[in-house]
N, C-alpha and C. Protein backbone atom coordinates (compact mmCIF):
# COMPACT_ATOMS: atom_id res chain seq x y z
N MET A 1 -24.36 1.23 5.94
CA MET A 1 -23.98 2.45 5.25
C MET A 1 -23.88 2.13 3.76
N SER A 2 -24.44 2.99 2.94
CA SER A 2 -24.44 2.75 1.50
C SER A 2 -23.05 2.93 0.92
N GLU A 3 -22.85 2.37 -0.26
CA GLU A 3 -21.56 2.52 -0.94
C GLU A 3 -21.29 4.00 -1.22
N GLN A 4 -22.32 4.75 -1.55
CA GLN A 4 -22.15 6.18 -1.83
C GLN A 4 -21.71 6.92 -0.56
N ALA A 5 -22.27 6.57 0.58
CA ALA A 5 -21.89 7.19 1.85
C ALA A 5 -20.45 6.83 2.21
N VAL A 6 -20.08 5.56 2.00
CA VAL A 6 -18.70 5.13 2.25
C VAL A 6 -17.75 5.90 1.36
N THR A 7 -18.10 6.04 0.09
CA THR A 7 -17.26 6.77 -0.85
C THR A 7 -17.09 8.22 -0.42
N ALA A 8 -18.17 8.88 0.00
CA ALA A 8 -18.09 10.27 0.43
C ALA A 8 -17.22 10.42 1.67
N ARG A 9 -17.40 9.51 2.65
CA ARG A 9 -16.60 9.59 3.87
C ARG A 9 -15.13 9.30 3.60
N LEU A 10 -14.86 8.36 2.72
CA LEU A 10 -13.49 8.03 2.37
C LEU A 10 -12.81 9.19 1.65
N LYS A 11 -13.53 9.84 0.73
CA LYS A 11 -12.97 10.99 0.03
C LYS A 11 -12.68 12.11 1.01
N GLU A 12 -13.58 12.36 1.97
CA GLU A 12 -13.36 13.40 2.97
C GLU A 12 -12.13 13.08 3.82
N ALA A 13 -12.00 11.82 4.24
CA ALA A 13 -10.84 11.42 5.05
C ALA A 13 -9.55 11.54 4.26
N THR A 14 -9.58 11.14 3.00
CA THR A 14 -8.40 11.24 2.14
C THR A 14 -8.00 12.70 1.96
N ASP A 15 -8.98 13.57 1.72
CA ASP A 15 -8.69 14.99 1.57
C ASP A 15 -8.08 15.57 2.84
N ASN A 16 -8.58 15.13 4.00
CA ASN A 16 -8.02 15.60 5.27
C ASN A 16 -6.57 15.16 5.44
N VAL A 17 -6.28 13.90 5.11
CA VAL A 17 -4.90 13.40 5.23
C VAL A 17 -3.98 14.16 4.28
N LEU A 18 -4.42 14.32 3.03
CA LEU A 18 -3.59 14.98 2.05
C LEU A 18 -3.37 16.45 2.37
N SER A 19 -4.36 17.11 2.94
CA SER A 19 -4.19 18.52 3.29
C SER A 19 -3.29 18.69 4.50
N ALA A 20 -3.22 17.70 5.38
CA ALA A 20 -2.38 17.78 6.57
C ALA A 20 -0.94 17.39 6.28
N ALA A 21 -0.70 16.64 5.23
CA ALA A 21 0.65 16.11 4.95
C ALA A 21 1.72 17.18 4.88
N PRO A 22 1.52 18.32 4.19
CA PRO A 22 2.59 19.33 4.15
C PRO A 22 2.96 19.85 5.54
N GLU A 23 1.97 20.01 6.43
CA GLU A 23 2.26 20.47 7.78
C GLU A 23 3.12 19.46 8.54
N LEU A 24 2.87 18.17 8.30
CA LEU A 24 3.64 17.15 9.00
C LEU A 24 5.10 17.16 8.58
N MET A 25 5.35 17.60 7.36
CA MET A 25 6.71 17.61 6.85
C MET A 25 7.43 18.94 7.08
N ALA A 26 6.74 19.94 7.62
CA ALA A 26 7.34 21.26 7.82
C ALA A 26 8.49 21.17 8.82
N ASP A 27 9.52 21.98 8.60
CA ASP A 27 10.70 21.96 9.46
C ASP A 27 10.37 22.26 10.92
N LYS A 28 9.36 23.09 11.18
CA LYS A 28 9.06 23.46 12.56
C LYS A 28 8.62 22.27 13.41
N TYR A 29 8.24 21.16 12.77
CA TYR A 29 7.80 19.99 13.52
C TYR A 29 8.91 18.96 13.71
N LYS A 30 10.04 19.19 13.11
CA LYS A 30 11.13 18.21 13.21
C LYS A 30 11.91 18.43 14.49
N PHE A 31 12.36 17.37 15.10
CA PHE A 31 13.19 17.44 16.29
C PHE A 31 14.05 16.18 16.34
N ASP A 32 15.08 16.25 17.14
CA ASP A 32 15.91 15.08 17.33
C ASP A 32 15.19 14.15 18.30
N PRO A 33 14.99 12.90 17.92
CA PRO A 33 14.27 11.99 18.80
C PRO A 33 15.06 11.70 20.07
N PHE A 34 14.35 11.53 21.19
CA PHE A 34 14.97 11.18 22.45
C PHE A 34 15.22 9.69 22.49
N ILE A 35 16.43 9.32 22.83
CA ILE A 35 16.77 7.92 23.01
C ILE A 35 17.43 7.79 24.38
N SER A 36 16.86 6.94 25.21
CA SER A 36 17.42 6.77 26.55
C SER A 36 18.79 6.10 26.46
N VAL A 37 19.55 6.23 27.52
CA VAL A 37 20.88 5.60 27.57
C VAL A 37 20.75 4.10 27.40
N GLU A 38 19.74 3.50 28.05
CA GLU A 38 19.54 2.06 27.95
C GLU A 38 19.23 1.65 26.52
N ASP A 39 18.32 2.40 25.87
CA ASP A 39 17.97 2.09 24.49
C ASP A 39 19.15 2.27 23.56
N ALA A 40 19.93 3.29 23.77
CA ALA A 40 21.08 3.55 22.91
C ALA A 40 22.07 2.40 22.97
N GLU A 41 22.18 1.76 24.13
CA GLU A 41 23.12 0.65 24.28
C GLU A 41 22.59 -0.65 23.69
N THR A 42 21.27 -0.83 23.72
CA THR A 42 20.71 -2.12 23.31
C THR A 42 20.00 -2.10 21.96
N THR A 43 19.65 -0.92 21.48
CA THR A 43 18.86 -0.83 20.26
C THR A 43 19.74 -0.52 19.07
N LYS A 44 19.58 -1.29 18.04
CA LYS A 44 20.26 -1.00 16.79
C LYS A 44 19.21 -0.45 15.84
N HIS A 45 19.48 0.72 15.29
CA HIS A 45 18.53 1.36 14.40
C HIS A 45 18.86 1.00 12.96
N ALA A 46 17.96 0.29 12.33
CA ALA A 46 18.15 -0.06 10.93
C ALA A 46 17.96 1.18 10.08
N THR A 47 18.77 1.32 9.07
CA THR A 47 18.60 2.45 8.17
C THR A 47 17.65 2.04 7.07
N ILE A 48 16.81 2.97 6.70
CA ILE A 48 15.84 2.73 5.65
C ILE A 48 16.42 3.26 4.35
N THR A 49 16.39 2.44 3.32
CA THR A 49 16.88 2.87 2.02
C THR A 49 15.96 3.96 1.50
N PRO A 50 16.50 5.14 1.17
CA PRO A 50 15.65 6.22 0.68
C PRO A 50 14.89 5.80 -0.58
N SER A 51 13.61 6.17 -0.62
CA SER A 51 12.77 5.90 -1.77
C SER A 51 11.67 6.93 -1.78
N LYS A 52 10.79 6.83 -2.77
CA LYS A 52 9.68 7.77 -2.83
C LYS A 52 8.68 7.53 -1.69
N TYR A 53 8.79 6.41 -0.99
CA TYR A 53 7.90 6.11 0.12
C TYR A 53 8.51 6.47 1.47
N THR A 54 9.77 6.88 1.50
CA THR A 54 10.45 7.23 2.74
C THR A 54 10.28 8.72 3.00
N LYS A 55 9.90 9.06 4.23
CA LYS A 55 9.75 10.45 4.64
C LYS A 55 10.45 10.64 5.97
N THR A 56 10.95 11.83 6.19
CA THR A 56 11.53 12.16 7.48
C THR A 56 10.48 12.91 8.28
N ILE A 57 10.10 12.35 9.41
CA ILE A 57 9.10 12.94 10.28
C ILE A 57 9.73 13.15 11.65
N ARG A 58 9.76 14.40 12.05
CA ARG A 58 10.34 14.75 13.36
C ARG A 58 11.74 14.17 13.52
N GLY A 59 12.51 14.23 12.46
CA GLY A 59 13.89 13.79 12.51
C GLY A 59 14.10 12.29 12.36
N VAL A 60 13.04 11.55 12.14
CA VAL A 60 13.14 10.10 12.01
C VAL A 60 12.70 9.69 10.61
N SER A 61 13.52 8.89 9.95
CA SER A 61 13.19 8.40 8.62
C SER A 61 12.25 7.21 8.74
N VAL A 62 11.07 7.32 8.11
CA VAL A 62 10.08 6.25 8.17
C VAL A 62 9.54 5.99 6.77
N ASP A 63 8.97 4.81 6.60
CA ASP A 63 8.27 4.53 5.36
C ASP A 63 6.87 4.04 5.72
N VAL A 64 6.07 3.83 4.71
CA VAL A 64 4.67 3.46 4.94
C VAL A 64 4.56 2.17 5.76
N TYR A 65 5.50 1.28 5.63
CA TYR A 65 5.44 0.02 6.36
C TYR A 65 5.68 0.24 7.86
N ASP A 66 6.50 1.23 8.22
CA ASP A 66 6.67 1.59 9.63
C ASP A 66 5.35 2.09 10.21
N VAL A 67 4.66 2.92 9.42
CA VAL A 67 3.37 3.47 9.86
C VAL A 67 2.35 2.35 10.05
N LEU A 68 2.27 1.45 9.07
CA LEU A 68 1.32 0.34 9.17
C LEU A 68 1.61 -0.52 10.40
N GLN A 69 2.88 -0.78 10.65
CA GLN A 69 3.25 -1.60 11.79
C GLN A 69 2.96 -0.86 13.10
N ALA A 70 3.28 0.44 13.15
CA ALA A 70 3.06 1.21 14.38
C ALA A 70 1.59 1.24 14.77
N TRP A 71 0.71 1.28 13.78
CA TRP A 71 -0.73 1.32 14.06
C TRP A 71 -1.37 -0.06 14.05
N GLY A 72 -0.58 -1.10 13.80
CA GLY A 72 -1.10 -2.46 13.84
C GLY A 72 -2.10 -2.77 12.75
N VAL A 73 -1.91 -2.20 11.58
CA VAL A 73 -2.82 -2.44 10.46
C VAL A 73 -2.46 -3.79 9.85
N SER A 74 -3.34 -4.77 10.02
CA SER A 74 -3.04 -6.12 9.52
C SER A 74 -3.90 -6.52 8.33
N ASN A 75 -5.00 -5.81 8.08
CA ASN A 75 -5.87 -6.11 6.95
C ASN A 75 -5.15 -5.67 5.66
N PRO A 76 -4.85 -6.61 4.76
CA PRO A 76 -4.08 -6.26 3.57
C PRO A 76 -4.76 -5.22 2.67
N ALA A 77 -6.08 -5.23 2.62
CA ALA A 77 -6.78 -4.24 1.81
C ALA A 77 -6.63 -2.84 2.43
N LEU A 78 -6.66 -2.76 3.75
CA LEU A 78 -6.43 -1.47 4.42
C LEU A 78 -4.99 -1.01 4.23
N GLN A 79 -4.06 -1.94 4.28
CA GLN A 79 -2.66 -1.58 4.03
C GLN A 79 -2.51 -0.97 2.64
N HIS A 80 -3.14 -1.59 1.67
CA HIS A 80 -3.09 -1.10 0.29
C HIS A 80 -3.73 0.29 0.20
N LEU A 81 -4.87 0.45 0.84
CA LEU A 81 -5.60 1.73 0.85
C LEU A 81 -4.73 2.84 1.44
N ILE A 82 -4.10 2.59 2.57
CA ILE A 82 -3.29 3.60 3.23
C ILE A 82 -2.10 4.00 2.37
N LYS A 83 -1.45 3.02 1.78
CA LYS A 83 -0.30 3.31 0.92
C LYS A 83 -0.74 4.18 -0.25
N LYS A 84 -1.87 3.87 -0.86
CA LYS A 84 -2.39 4.68 -1.97
C LYS A 84 -2.74 6.09 -1.49
N ALA A 85 -3.41 6.19 -0.33
CA ALA A 85 -3.86 7.49 0.18
C ALA A 85 -2.69 8.42 0.51
N LEU A 86 -1.60 7.85 1.00
CA LEU A 86 -0.46 8.68 1.37
C LEU A 86 0.23 9.32 0.17
N GLN A 87 0.06 8.74 -1.01
CA GLN A 87 0.70 9.31 -2.21
C GLN A 87 -0.30 9.40 -3.36
N CYS A 88 -1.52 9.76 -3.05
CA CYS A 88 -2.58 9.82 -4.04
C CYS A 88 -2.20 10.75 -5.20
N GLY A 89 -2.15 10.18 -6.40
CA GLY A 89 -1.85 10.95 -7.59
C GLY A 89 -0.41 11.40 -7.74
N GLN A 90 0.47 10.94 -6.88
CA GLN A 90 1.87 11.41 -6.88
C GLN A 90 2.87 10.36 -7.34
N ARG A 91 2.39 9.19 -7.69
CA ARG A 91 3.32 8.10 -8.00
C ARG A 91 3.74 8.08 -9.46
N GLY A 92 3.08 8.89 -10.29
CA GLY A 92 3.54 9.02 -11.67
C GLY A 92 2.75 8.29 -12.72
N HIS A 93 2.24 7.09 -12.43
CA HIS A 93 1.58 6.33 -13.49
C HIS A 93 0.06 6.33 -13.39
N LYS A 94 -0.50 6.87 -12.31
CA LYS A 94 -1.96 6.98 -12.16
C LYS A 94 -2.27 8.37 -11.64
N ASP A 95 -3.39 8.94 -12.10
CA ASP A 95 -3.78 10.25 -11.60
C ASP A 95 -4.57 10.11 -10.30
N SER A 96 -4.91 11.25 -9.68
CA SER A 96 -5.62 11.24 -8.41
C SER A 96 -6.96 10.53 -8.51
N ALA A 97 -7.67 10.75 -9.61
CA ALA A 97 -8.99 10.12 -9.76
C ALA A 97 -8.88 8.60 -9.74
N GLN A 98 -7.90 8.04 -10.45
CA GLN A 98 -7.73 6.59 -10.47
C GLN A 98 -7.29 6.08 -9.10
N ASP A 99 -6.36 6.81 -8.45
CA ASP A 99 -5.94 6.39 -7.11
C ASP A 99 -7.11 6.44 -6.13
N LEU A 100 -7.95 7.47 -6.21
CA LEU A 100 -9.12 7.56 -5.33
C LEU A 100 -10.07 6.39 -5.57
N GLN A 101 -10.25 6.00 -6.82
CA GLN A 101 -11.10 4.85 -7.11
C GLN A 101 -10.48 3.58 -6.53
N ASP A 102 -9.17 3.43 -6.65
CA ASP A 102 -8.48 2.28 -6.07
C ASP A 102 -8.65 2.26 -4.55
N ILE A 103 -8.61 3.45 -3.93
CA ILE A 103 -8.80 3.56 -2.49
C ILE A 103 -10.20 3.10 -2.11
N ILE A 104 -11.18 3.55 -2.86
CA ILE A 104 -12.57 3.15 -2.61
C ILE A 104 -12.72 1.64 -2.75
N ASP A 105 -12.17 1.10 -3.83
CA ASP A 105 -12.24 -0.35 -4.05
C ASP A 105 -11.57 -1.11 -2.89
N SER A 106 -10.45 -0.60 -2.42
CA SER A 106 -9.75 -1.25 -1.30
C SER A 106 -10.56 -1.17 -0.01
N ALA A 107 -11.26 -0.04 0.19
CA ALA A 107 -12.10 0.09 1.39
C ALA A 107 -13.24 -0.91 1.37
N ILE A 108 -13.83 -1.08 0.21
CA ILE A 108 -14.92 -2.06 0.08
C ILE A 108 -14.39 -3.46 0.35
N ARG A 109 -13.22 -3.77 -0.21
CA ARG A 109 -12.62 -5.10 0.01
C ARG A 109 -12.24 -5.30 1.47
N ALA A 110 -11.72 -4.23 2.10
CA ALA A 110 -11.35 -4.32 3.53
C ALA A 110 -12.57 -4.64 4.37
N LYS A 111 -13.69 -4.03 4.02
CA LYS A 111 -14.94 -4.30 4.76
C LYS A 111 -15.36 -5.75 4.57
N GLU A 112 -15.19 -6.29 3.35
CA GLU A 112 -15.51 -7.69 3.10
C GLU A 112 -14.64 -8.63 3.93
N LEU A 113 -13.36 -8.27 4.05
CA LEU A 113 -12.43 -9.11 4.80
C LEU A 113 -12.65 -9.02 6.31
N GLY A 114 -13.25 -7.93 6.73
CA GLY A 114 -13.56 -7.76 8.17
C GLY A 114 -12.45 -7.18 8.89
């Protein structure tokens, strides 16, 4: 696949993620998570320090690192790409165009790393 094709597919995927994000945060999707009696007795829930990377999804506070771990993303370039894509142009010091270029660069590097 050419670099131009990769860039086009990555932009399309990024646009899809960004367009879906407001729906994921809507109140109608939030619920109290189910915790079994056994889990409640044995599981200690660590609290996540609120930051610009912390979001409440379905009543559970998560950050990008929880997402990466849940999906088993171990490639560091992909981890970087996902973190950028989740807050493309919203971090304050780079605009969307620069973040998208960083995402593309990370995708190319991820492919190199395998």
